[in-house]
PDB file of N, CA and C in Angstrom:
ATOM      1  N   MET A   1     -47.278 132.187  73.245  1.00  0.00           N
ATOM      2  CA  MET A   1     -47.759 133.379  73.898  1.00  0.00           C
ATOM      3  C   MET A   1     -47.217 134.599  73.154  1.00  0.00           C
ATOM      4  N   LEU A   2     -48.088 135.550  72.926  1.00  0.00           N
ATOM      5  CA  LEU A   2     -47.704 136.758  72.221  1.00  0.00           C
ATOM      6  C   LEU A   2     -47.001 137.721  73.160  1.00  0.00           C
ATOM      7  N   ARG A   3     -45.980 138.324  72.658  1.00  0.00           N
ATOM      8  CA  ARG A   3     -45.255 139.326  73.456  1.00  0.00           C
ATOM      9  C   ARG A   3     -45.384 140.679  72.771  1.00  0.00           C
ATOM     10  N   PHE A   4     -45.487 141.702  73.541  1.00  0.00           N
ATOM     11  CA  PHE A   4     -45.573 143.070  73.033  1.00  0.00           C
ATOM     12  C   PHE A   4     -44.158 143.612  72.858  1.00  0.00           C
ATOM     13  N   HIS A   5     -43.830 144.062  71.647  1.00  0.00           N
ATOM     14  CA  HIS A   5     -42.510 144.617  71.362  1.00  0.00           C
ATOM     15  C   HIS A   5     -42.681 146.084  70.978  1.00  0.00           C
ATOM     16  N   PRO A   6     -42.422 146.986  71.902  1.00  0.00           N
ATOM     17  CA  PRO A   6     -42.608 148.411  71.604  1.00  0.00           C
ATOM     18  C   PRO A   6     -41.707 148.898  70.474  1.00  0.00           C
ATOM     19  N   GLY A   7     -40.548 148.284  70.282  1.00  0.00           N
ATOM     20  CA  GLY A   7     -39.651 148.696  69.202  1.00  0.00           C
ATOM     21  C   GLY A   7     -40.253 148.441  67.835  1.00  0.00           C
ATOM     22  N   ARG A   8     -40.908 147.310  67.681  1.00  0.00           N
ATOM     23  CA  ARG A   8     -41.545 146.993  66.397  1.00  0.00           C
ATOM     24  C   ARG A   8     -42.724 147.907  66.111  1.00  0.00           C
ATOM     25  N   LEU A   9     -43.495 148.214  67.122  1.00  0.00           N
ATOM     26  CA  LEU A   9     -44.623 149.117  66.960  1.00  0.00           C
ATOM     27  C   LEU A   9     -44.133 150.513  66.564  1.00  0.00           C
ATOM     28  N   GLY A  10     -43.042 150.949  67.182  1.00  0.00           N
ATOM     29  CA  GLY A  10     -42.475 152.254  66.850  1.00  0.00           C
ATOM     30  C   GLY A  10     -41.979 152.314  65.419  1.00  0.00           C
ATOM     31  N   CYS A  11     -41.349 151.240  64.939  1.00  0.00           N
ATOM     32  CA  CYS A  11     -40.878 151.181  63.551  1.00  0.00           C
ATOM     33  C   CYS A  11     -42.045 151.211  62.583  1.00  0.00           C
ATOM     34  N   ALA A  12     -43.084 150.448  62.882  1.00  0.00           N
ATOM     35  CA  ALA A  12     -44.253 150.414  62.014  1.00  0.00           C
ATOM     36  C   ALA A  12     -44.932 151.779  61.972  1.00  0.00           C
ATOM     37  N   LEU A  13     -45.069 152.421  63.115  1.00  0.00           N
ATOM     38  CA  LEU A  13     -45.694 153.737  63.190  1.00  0.00           C
ATOM     39  C   LEU A  13     -44.860 154.776  62.438  1.00  0.00           C
ATOM     40  N   THR A  14     -43.558 154.714  62.575  1.00  0.00           N
ATOM     41  CA  THR A  14     -42.668 155.632  61.858  1.00  0.00           C
ATOM     42  C   THR A  14     -42.780 155.434  60.359  1.00  0.00           C
ATOM     43  N   LEU A  15     -42.866 154.206  59.914  1.00  0.00           N
ATOM     44  CA  LEU A  15     -43.001 153.911  58.494  1.00  0.00           C
ATOM     45  C   LEU A  15     -44.317 154.448  57.940  1.00  0.00           C
ATOM     46  N   VAL A  16     -45.404 154.275  58.661  1.00  0.00           N
ATOM     47  CA  VAL A  16     -46.711 154.775  58.226  1.00  0.00           C
ATOM     48  C   VAL A  16     -46.692 156.295  58.146  1.00  0.00           C
ATOM     49  N   ILE A  17     -46.129 156.952  59.142  1.00  0.00           N
ATOM     50  CA  ILE A  17     -46.067 158.416  59.152  1.00  0.00           C
ATOM     51  C   ILE A  17     -45.173 158.926  58.020  1.00  0.00           C
ATOM     52  N   ALA A  18     -44.086 158.243  57.746  1.00  0.00           N
ATOM     53  CA  ALA A  18     -43.164 158.674  56.696  1.00  0.00           C
ATOM     54  C   ALA A  18     -43.771 158.511  55.304  1.00  0.00           C
ATOM     55  N   LEU A  19     -44.557 157.466  55.074  1.00  0.00           N
ATOM     56  CA  LEU A  19     -45.124 157.215  53.754  1.00  0.00           C
ATOM     57  C   LEU A  19     -46.450 157.923  53.509  1.00  0.00           C
ATOM     58  N   TRP A  20     -47.104 158.374  54.545  1.00  0.00           N
ATOM     59  CA  TRP A  20     -48.408 159.004  54.407  1.00  0.00           C
ATOM     60  C   TRP A  20     -48.402 160.213  53.463  1.00  0.00           C
ATOM     61  N   PRO A  21     -47.474 161.180  53.589  1.00  0.00           N
ATOM     62  CA  PRO A  21     -47.500 162.325  52.661  1.00  0.00           C
ATOM     63  C   PRO A  21     -47.266 161.922  51.212  1.00  0.00           C
ATOM     64  N   ALA A  22     -46.434 160.935  50.968  1.00  0.00           N
ATOM     65  CA  ALA A  22     -46.169 160.506  49.594  1.00  0.00           C
ATOM     66  C   ALA A  22     -47.427 159.908  48.961  1.00  0.00           C
ATOM     67  N   VAL A  23     -48.171 159.138  49.707  1.00  0.00           N
ATOM     68  CA  VAL A  23     -49.397 158.536  49.192  1.00  0.00           C
ATOM     69  C   VAL A  23     -50.457 159.614  48.970  1.00  0.00           C
ATOM     70  N   ALA A  24     -50.605 160.538  49.899  1.00  0.00           N
ATOM     71  CA  ALA A  24     -51.598 161.597  49.764  1.00  0.00           C
ATOM     72  C   ALA A  24     -51.231 162.548  48.628  1.00  0.00           C
ATOM     73  N   HIS A  25     -49.958 162.830  48.445  1.00  0.00           N
ATOM     74  CA  HIS A  25     -49.509 163.762  47.417  1.00  0.00           C
ATOM     75  C   HIS A  25     -49.623 163.152  46.020  1.00  0.00           C
ATOM     76  N   ALA A  26     -49.503 161.873  45.887  1.00  0.00           N
ATOM     77  CA  ALA A  26     -49.518 161.214  44.582  1.00  0.00           C
ATOM     78  C   ALA A  26     -50.880 161.308  43.905  1.00  0.00           C
ATOM     79  N   GLU A  27     -51.938 161.520  44.636  1.00  0.00           N
ATOM     80  CA  GLU A  27     -53.270 161.578  44.060  1.00  0.00           C
ATOM     81  C   GLU A  27     -53.538 162.872  43.303  1.00  0.00           C
ATOM     82  N   GLN A  28     -52.712 163.899  43.459  1.00  0.00           N
ATOM     83  CA  GLN A  28     -52.954 165.192  42.838  1.00  0.00           C
ATOM     84  C   GLN A  28     -52.591 165.219  41.358  1.00  0.00           C
ATOM     85  N   TYR A  29     -51.715 164.367  40.907  1.00  0.00           N
ATOM     86  CA  TYR A  29     -51.205 164.430  39.547  1.00  0.00           C
ATOM     87  C   TYR A  29     -51.992 163.531  38.615  1.00  0.00           C
ATOM     88  N   HIS A  30     -52.227 164.036  37.424  1.00  0.00           N
ATOM     89  CA  HIS A  30     -52.820 163.231  36.372  1.00  0.00           C
ATOM     90  C   HIS A  30     -52.237 163.700  35.043  1.00  0.00           C
ATOM     91  N   PHE A  31     -52.221 162.829  34.080  1.00  0.00           N
ATOM     92  CA  PHE A  31     -51.684 163.145  32.769  1.00  0.00           C
ATOM     93  C   PHE A  31     -52.778 162.970  31.738  1.00  0.00           C
ATOM     94  N   GLU A  32     -52.749 163.830  30.748  1.00  0.00           N
ATOM     95  CA  GLU A  32     -53.770 163.794  29.724  1.00  0.00           C
ATOM     96  C   GLU A  32     -53.098 163.895  28.357  1.00  0.00           C
ATOM     97  N   TYR A  33     -53.563 163.106  27.415  1.00  0.00           N
ATOM     98  CA  TYR A  33     -53.038 163.146  26.056  1.00  0.00           C
ATOM     99  C   TYR A  33     -53.901 164.082  25.226  1.00  0.00           C
ATOM    100  N   VAL A  34     -53.271 165.022  24.561  1.00  0.00           N
ATOM    101  CA  VAL A  34     -53.974 165.928  23.667  1.00  0.00           C
ATOM    102  C   VAL A  34     -53.414 165.719  22.272  1.00  0.00           C
ATOM    103  N   SER A  35     -54.250 165.269  21.353  1.00  0.00           N
ATOM    104  CA  SER A  35     -53.818 165.038  19.974  1.00  0.00           C
ATOM    105  C   SER A  35     -53.826 166.347  19.205  1.00  0.00           C
ATOM    106  N   LEU A  36     -52.725 166.632  18.539  1.00  0.00           N
ATOM    107  CA  LEU A  36     -52.623 167.843  17.733  1.00  0.00           C
ATOM    108  C   LEU A  36     -52.769 167.542  16.241  1.00  0.00           C
ATOM    109  N   ASP A  37     -53.184 166.333  15.916  1.00  0.00           N
ATOM    110  CA  ASP A  37     -53.303 165.929  14.514  1.00  0.00           C
ATOM    111  C   ASP A  37     -54.339 166.754  13.755  1.00  0.00           C
ATOM    112  N   ASP A  38     -55.402 167.129  14.420  1.00  0.00           N
ATOM    113  CA  ASP A  38     -56.490 167.852  13.755  1.00  0.00           C
ATOM    114  C   ASP A  38     -56.460 169.346  14.047  1.00  0.00           C
ATOM    115  N   ALA A  39     -55.315 169.876  14.425  1.00  0.00           N
ATOM    116  CA  ALA A  39     -55.205 171.296  14.761  1.00  0.00           C
ATOM    117  C   ALA A  39     -55.498 172.153  13.535  1.00  0.00           C
ATOM    118  N   VAL A  40     -56.375 173.123  13.704  1.00  0.00           N
ATOM    119  CA  VAL A  40     -56.725 174.046  12.636  1.00  0.00           C
ATOM    120  C   VAL A  40     -55.882 175.295  12.816  1.00  0.00           C
ATOM    121  N   LEU A  41     -54.989 175.544  11.859  1.00  0.00           N
ATOM    122  CA  LEU A  41     -54.123 176.725  11.916  1.00  0.00           C
ATOM    123  C   LEU A  41     -54.804 177.906  11.246  1.00  0.00           C
ATOM    124  N   PRO A  42     -54.593 179.126  11.763  1.00  0.00           N
ATOM    125  CA  PRO A  42     -55.138 180.311  11.105  1.00  0.00           C
ATOM    126  C   PRO A  42     -54.500 180.502   9.722  1.00  0.00           C
ATOM    127  N   VAL A  43     -55.163 181.229   8.866  1.00  0.00           N
ATOM    128  CA  VAL A  43     -54.645 181.516   7.530  1.00  0.00           C
ATOM    129  C   VAL A  43     -53.353 182.314   7.670  1.00  0.00           C
ATOM    130  N   GLY A  44     -52.337 181.923   6.913  1.00  0.00           N
ATOM    131  CA  GLY A  44     -51.054 182.620   6.943  1.00  0.00           C
ATOM    132  C   GLY A  44     -50.034 181.968   7.848  1.00  0.00           C
ATOM    133  N   PHE A  45     -50.380 180.833   8.457  1.00  0.00           N
ATOM    134  CA  PHE A  45     -49.457 180.134   9.348  1.00  0.00           C
ATOM    135  C   PHE A  45     -49.256 178.708   8.859  1.00  0.00           C
ATOM    136  N   ALA A  46     -48.002 178.236   8.973  1.00  0.00           N
ATOM    137  CA  ALA A  46     -47.637 176.947   8.382  1.00  0.00           C
ATOM    138  C   ALA A  46     -47.609 175.793   9.376  1.00  0.00           C
ATOM    139  N   SER A  47     -47.164 176.039  10.613  1.00  0.00           N
ATOM    140  CA  SER A  47     -47.012 174.917  11.554  1.00  0.00           C
ATOM    141  C   SER A  47     -47.147 175.400  12.993  1.00  0.00           C
ATOM    142  N   PHE A  48     -47.425 174.435  13.873  1.00  0.00           N
ATOM    143  CA  PHE A  48     -47.544 174.687  15.317  1.00  0.00           C
ATOM    144  C   PHE A  48     -46.568 173.776  16.045  1.00  0.00           C
ATOM    145  N   SER A  49     -45.787 174.357  16.943  1.00  0.00           N
ATOM    146  CA  SER A  49     -44.815 173.603  17.733  1.00  0.00           C
ATOM    147  C   SER A  49     -45.197 173.699  19.207  1.00  0.00           C
ATOM    148  N   PRO A  50     -45.681 172.622  19.832  1.00  0.00           N
ATOM    149  CA  PRO A  50     -46.123 172.682  21.228  1.00  0.00           C
ATOM    150  C   PRO A  50     -44.957 172.839  22.193  1.00  0.00           C
ATOM    151  N   GLU A  51     -45.204 173.577  23.280  1.00  0.00           N
ATOM    152  CA  GLU A  51     -44.197 173.800  24.323  1.00  0.00           C
ATOM    153  C   GLU A  51     -44.621 173.224  25.667  1.00  0.00           C
ATOM    154  N   GLY A  52     -45.907 173.272  25.988  1.00  0.00           N
ATOM    155  CA  GLY A  52     -46.369 172.787  27.284  1.00  0.00           C
ATOM    156  C   GLY A  52     -47.885 172.821  27.359  1.00  0.00           C
ATOM    157  N   MET A  53     -48.427 172.227  28.440  1.00  0.00           N
ATOM    158  CA  MET A  53     -49.868 172.139  28.608  1.00  0.00           C
ATOM    159  C   MET A  53     -50.234 172.553  30.025  1.00  0.00           C
ATOM    160  N   ASP A  54     -51.343 173.282  30.184  1.00  0.00           N
ATOM    161  CA  ASP A  54     -51.794 173.668  31.521  1.00  0.00           C
ATOM    162  C   ASP A  54     -52.846 172.680  32.027  1.00  0.00           C
ATOM    163  N   ASN A  55     -53.393 172.941  33.206  1.00  0.00           N
ATOM    164  CA  ASN A  55     -54.349 172.022  33.826  1.00  0.00           C
ATOM    165  C   ASN A  55     -55.691 171.966  33.100  1.00  0.00           C
ATOM    166  N   ALA A  56     -55.975 172.951  32.253  1.00  0.00           N
ATOM    167  CA  ALA A  56     -57.226 172.961  31.505  1.00  0.00           C
ATOM    168  C   ALA A  56     -57.063 172.330  30.121  1.00  0.00           C
ATOM    169  N   ALA A  57     -55.961 171.637  29.885  1.00  0.00           N
ATOM    170  CA  ALA A  57     -55.651 170.938  28.630  1.00  0.00           C
ATOM    171  C   ALA A  57     -55.435 171.905  27.466  1.00  0.00           C
ATOM    172  N   ARG A  58     -55.083 173.157  27.768  1.00  0.00           N
ATOM    173  CA  ARG A  58     -54.680 174.093  26.720  1.00  0.00           C
ATOM    174  C   ARG A  58     -53.194 173.899  26.478  1.00  0.00           C
ATOM    175  N   VAL A  59     -52.818 173.818  25.214  1.00  0.00           N
ATOM    176  CA  VAL A  59     -51.424 173.597  24.844  1.00  0.00           C
ATOM    177  C   VAL A  59     -50.849 174.907  24.327  1.00  0.00           C
ATOM    178  N   GLY A  60     -49.795 175.371  24.970  1.00  0.00           N
ATOM    179  CA  GLY A  60     -49.124 176.584  24.533  1.00  0.00           C
ATOM    180  C   GLY A  60     -47.930 176.235  23.672  1.00  0.00           C
ATOM    181  N   GLY A  61     -47.615 177.128  22.751  1.00  0.00           N
ATOM    182  CA  GLY A  61     -46.469 176.871  21.894  1.00  0.00           C
ATOM    183  C   GLY A  61     -46.232 177.983  20.918  1.00  0.00           C
ATOM    184  N   GLU A  62     -45.559 177.639  19.842  1.00  0.00           N
ATOM    185  CA  GLU A  62     -45.218 178.616  18.816  1.00  0.00           C
ATOM    186  C   GLU A  62     -45.852 178.207  17.494  1.00  0.00           C
ATOM    187  N   THR A  63     -46.419 179.191  16.820  1.00  0.00           N
ATOM    188  CA  THR A  63     -46.925 178.985  15.473  1.00  0.00           C
ATOM    189  C   THR A  63     -46.028 179.783  14.544  1.00  0.00           C
ATOM    190  N   PHE A  64     -45.597 179.156  13.460  1.00  0.00           N
ATOM    191  CA  PHE A  64     -44.693 179.800  12.521  1.00  0.00           C
ATOM    192  C   PHE A  64     -45.469 180.234  11.288  1.00  0.00           C
ATOM    193  N   ASP A  65     -45.257 181.502  10.896  1.00  0.00           N
ATOM    194  CA  ASP A  65     -45.980 181.991   9.720  1.00  0.00           C
ATOM    195  C   ASP A  65     -45.399 181.404   8.446  1.00  0.00           C
ATOM    196  N   ASP A  66     -46.125 181.605   7.353  1.00  0.00           N
ATOM    197  CA  ASP A  66     -45.693 180.994   6.098  1.00  0.00           C
ATOM    198  C   ASP A  66     -44.821 181.913   5.246  1.00  0.00           C
ATOM    199  N   SER A  67     -44.244 182.950   5.877  1.00  0.00           N
ATOM    200  CA  SER A  67     -43.301 183.804   5.156  1.00  0.00           C
ATOM    201  C   SER A  67     -41.981 183.048   4.989  1.00  0.00           C
ATOM    202  N   PRO A  68     -41.094 183.519   4.108  1.00  0.00           N
ATOM    203  CA  PRO A  68     -39.809 182.837   3.944  1.00  0.00           C
ATOM    204  C   PRO A  68     -38.973 182.780   5.232  1.00  0.00           C
ATOM    205  N   LEU A  69     -39.162 183.726   6.147  1.00  0.00           N
ATOM    206  CA  LEU A  69     -38.409 183.730   7.412  1.00  0.00           C
ATOM    207  C   LEU A  69     -39.023 182.811   8.466  1.00  0.00           C
ATOM    208  N   GLN A  70     -40.264 182.416   8.302  1.00  0.00           N
ATOM    209  CA  GLN A  70     -41.013 181.606   9.262  1.00  0.00           C
ATOM    210  C   GLN A  70     -40.870 182.151  10.687  1.00  0.00           C
ATOM    211  N   LEU A  71     -41.366 183.351  10.897  1.00  0.00           N
ATOM    212  CA  LEU A  71     -41.273 184.018  12.190  1.00  0.00           C
ATOM    213  C   LEU A  71     -42.187 183.342  13.210  1.00  0.00           C
ATOM    214  N   PRO A  72     -41.705 183.165  14.460  1.00  0.00           N
ATOM    215  CA  PRO A  72     -42.524 182.501  15.485  1.00  0.00           C
ATOM    216  C   PRO A  72     -43.515 183.469  16.132  1.00  0.00           C
ATOM    217  N   HIS A  73     -44.651 182.921  16.521  1.00  0.00           N
ATOM    218  CA  HIS A  73     -45.688 183.663  17.234  1.00  0.00           C
ATOM    219  C   HIS A  73     -46.142 182.814  18.417  1.00  0.00           C
ATOM    220  N   VAL A  74     -46.369 183.461  19.564  1.00  0.00           N
ATOM    221  CA  VAL A  74     -46.906 182.759  20.731  1.00  0.00           C
ATOM    222  C   VAL A  74     -48.350 182.392  20.417  1.00  0.00           C
ATOM    223  N   SER A  75     -48.700 181.128  20.673  1.00  0.00           N
ATOM    224  CA  SER A  75     -50.050 180.676  20.353  1.00  0.00           C
ATOM    225  C   SER A  75     -50.533 179.633  21.345  1.00  0.00           C
ATOM    226  N   VAL A  76     -51.846 179.423  21.341  1.00  0.00           N
ATOM    227  CA  VAL A  76     -52.487 178.469  22.242  1.00  0.00           C
ATOM    228  C   VAL A  76     -53.404 177.565  21.432  1.00  0.00           C
ATOM    229  N   TYR A  77     -53.304 176.261  21.671  1.00  0.00           N
ATOM    230  CA  TYR A  77     -54.184 175.274  21.052  1.00  0.00           C
ATOM    231  C   TYR A  77     -55.235 174.874  22.079  1.00  0.00           C
ATOM    232  N   GLU A  78     -56.504 175.019  21.692  1.00  0.00           N
ATOM    233  CA  GLU A  78     -57.592 174.621  22.585  1.00  0.00           C
ATOM    234  C   GLU A  78     -58.791 174.204  21.743  1.00  0.00           C
ATOM    235  N   ASP A  79     -59.354 173.069  22.041  1.00  0.00           N
ATOM    236  CA  ASP A  79     -60.551 172.553  21.368  1.00  0.00           C
ATOM    237  C   ASP A  79     -60.386 172.485  19.844  1.00  0.00           C
ATOM    238  N   GLY A  80     -59.220 172.052  19.382  1.00  0.00           N
ATOM    239  CA  GLY A  80     -59.004 171.845  17.960  1.00  0.00           C
ATOM    240  C   GLY A  80     -58.575 173.065  17.175  1.00  0.00           C
ATOM    241  N   THR A  81     -58.463 174.226  17.828  1.00  0.00           N
ATOM    242  CA  THR A  81     -58.117 175.459  17.124  1.00  0.00           C
ATOM    243  C   THR A  81     -56.888 176.103  17.745  1.00  0.00           C
ATOM    244  N   VAL A  82     -56.003 176.584  16.881  1.00  0.00           N
ATOM    245  CA  VAL A  82     -54.816 177.312  17.331  1.00  0.00           C
ATOM    246  C   VAL A  82     -55.129 178.801  17.270  1.00  0.00           C
ATOM    247  N   THR A  83     -54.924 179.496  18.396  1.00  0.00           N
ATOM    248  CA  THR A  83     -55.125 180.938  18.464  1.00  0.00           C
ATOM    249  C   THR A  83     -53.769 181.604  18.585  1.00  0.00           C
ATOM    250  N   VAL A  84     -53.455 182.489  17.651  1.00  0.00           N
ATOM    251  CA  VAL A  84     -52.176 183.205  17.666  1.00  0.00           C
ATOM    252  C   VAL A  84     -52.338 184.438  18.539  1.00  0.00           C
ATOM    253  N   LEU A  85     -51.428 184.613  19.523  1.00  0.00           N
ATOM    254  CA  LEU A  85     -51.536 185.720  20.464  1.00  0.00           C
ATOM    255  C   LEU A  85     -50.681 186.922  20.063  1.00  0.00           C
ATOM    256  N   ARG A  86     -49.393 186.689  19.773  1.00  0.00           N
ATOM    257  CA  ARG A  86     -48.516 187.801  19.393  1.00  0.00           C
ATOM    258  C   ARG A  86     -47.217 187.254  18.816  1.00  0.00           C
ATOM    259  N   PRO A  87     -46.493 188.069  18.062  1.00  0.00           N
ATOM    260  CA  PRO A  87     -45.192 187.632  17.544  1.00  0.00           C
ATOM    261  C   PRO A  87     -44.163 187.585  18.670  1.00  0.00           C
ATOM    262  N   ASP A  88     -43.622 186.424  18.939  1.00  0.00           N
ATOM    263  CA  ASP A  88     -42.602 186.249  19.980  1.00  0.00           C
ATOM    264  C   ASP A  88     -42.328 184.755  20.113  1.00  0.00           C
ATOM    265  N   LEU A  89     -41.303 184.418  20.861  1.00  0.00           N
ATOM    266  CA  LEU A  89     -41.034 183.011  21.193  1.00  0.00           C
ATOM    267  C   LEU A  89     -41.888 182.615  22.390  1.00  0.00           C
ATOM    268  N   ALA A  90     -42.364 181.387  22.431  1.00  0.00           N
ATOM    269  CA  ALA A  90     -43.205 180.927  23.538  1.00  0.00           C
ATOM    270  C   ALA A  90     -42.447 180.969  24.853  1.00  0.00           C
ATOM    271  N   ALA A  91     -41.160 180.660  24.840  1.00  0.00           N
ATOM    272  CA  ALA A  91     -40.369 180.674  26.074  1.00  0.00           C
ATOM    273  C   ALA A  91     -40.255 182.079  26.634  1.00  0.00           C
ATOM    274  N   GLU A  92     -40.240 183.097  25.767  1.00  0.00           N
ATOM    275  CA  GLU A  92     -40.164 184.480  26.215  1.00  0.00           C
ATOM    276  C   GLU A  92     -41.498 184.977  26.787  1.00  0.00           C
ATOM    277  N   ALA A  93     -42.583 184.338  26.435  1.00  0.00           N
ATOM    278  CA  ALA A  93     -43.910 184.775  26.896  1.00  0.00           C
ATOM    279  C   ALA A  93     -44.089 184.542  28.388  1.00  0.00           C
ATOM    280  N   HIS A  94     -43.342 183.619  28.981  1.00  0.00           N
ATOM    281  CA  HIS A  94     -43.498 183.296  30.405  1.00  0.00           C
ATOM    282  C   HIS A  94     -42.635 184.171  31.305  1.00  0.00           C
ATOM    283  N   ARG A  95     -41.867 185.048  30.740  1.00  0.00           N
ATOM    284  CA  ARG A  95     -40.980 185.895  31.560  1.00  0.00           C
ATOM    285  C   ARG A  95     -41.647 187.174  31.946  1.00  0.00           C
TER     286      ARG A  95
END
């Protein structure tokens, strides 16, 4: 004969309620690989150093010019092309 155990039902209900936000929240994140092998650098720049990526798969970072000092410039990689925005460090651009 089956017996009703309110304590077990309460534990099961508490577990479902506790795990529900974690399961619902986990669906929001996704990761995307962006290859920088074919990045086209503007004339006068030697290399691109990625710093981070936004939700639109644009990669922000620093592009270094080909002068002897190799000065950094804030730049964005999108659709195979690096666009140089201004002379500065990428970390300073977010402040």
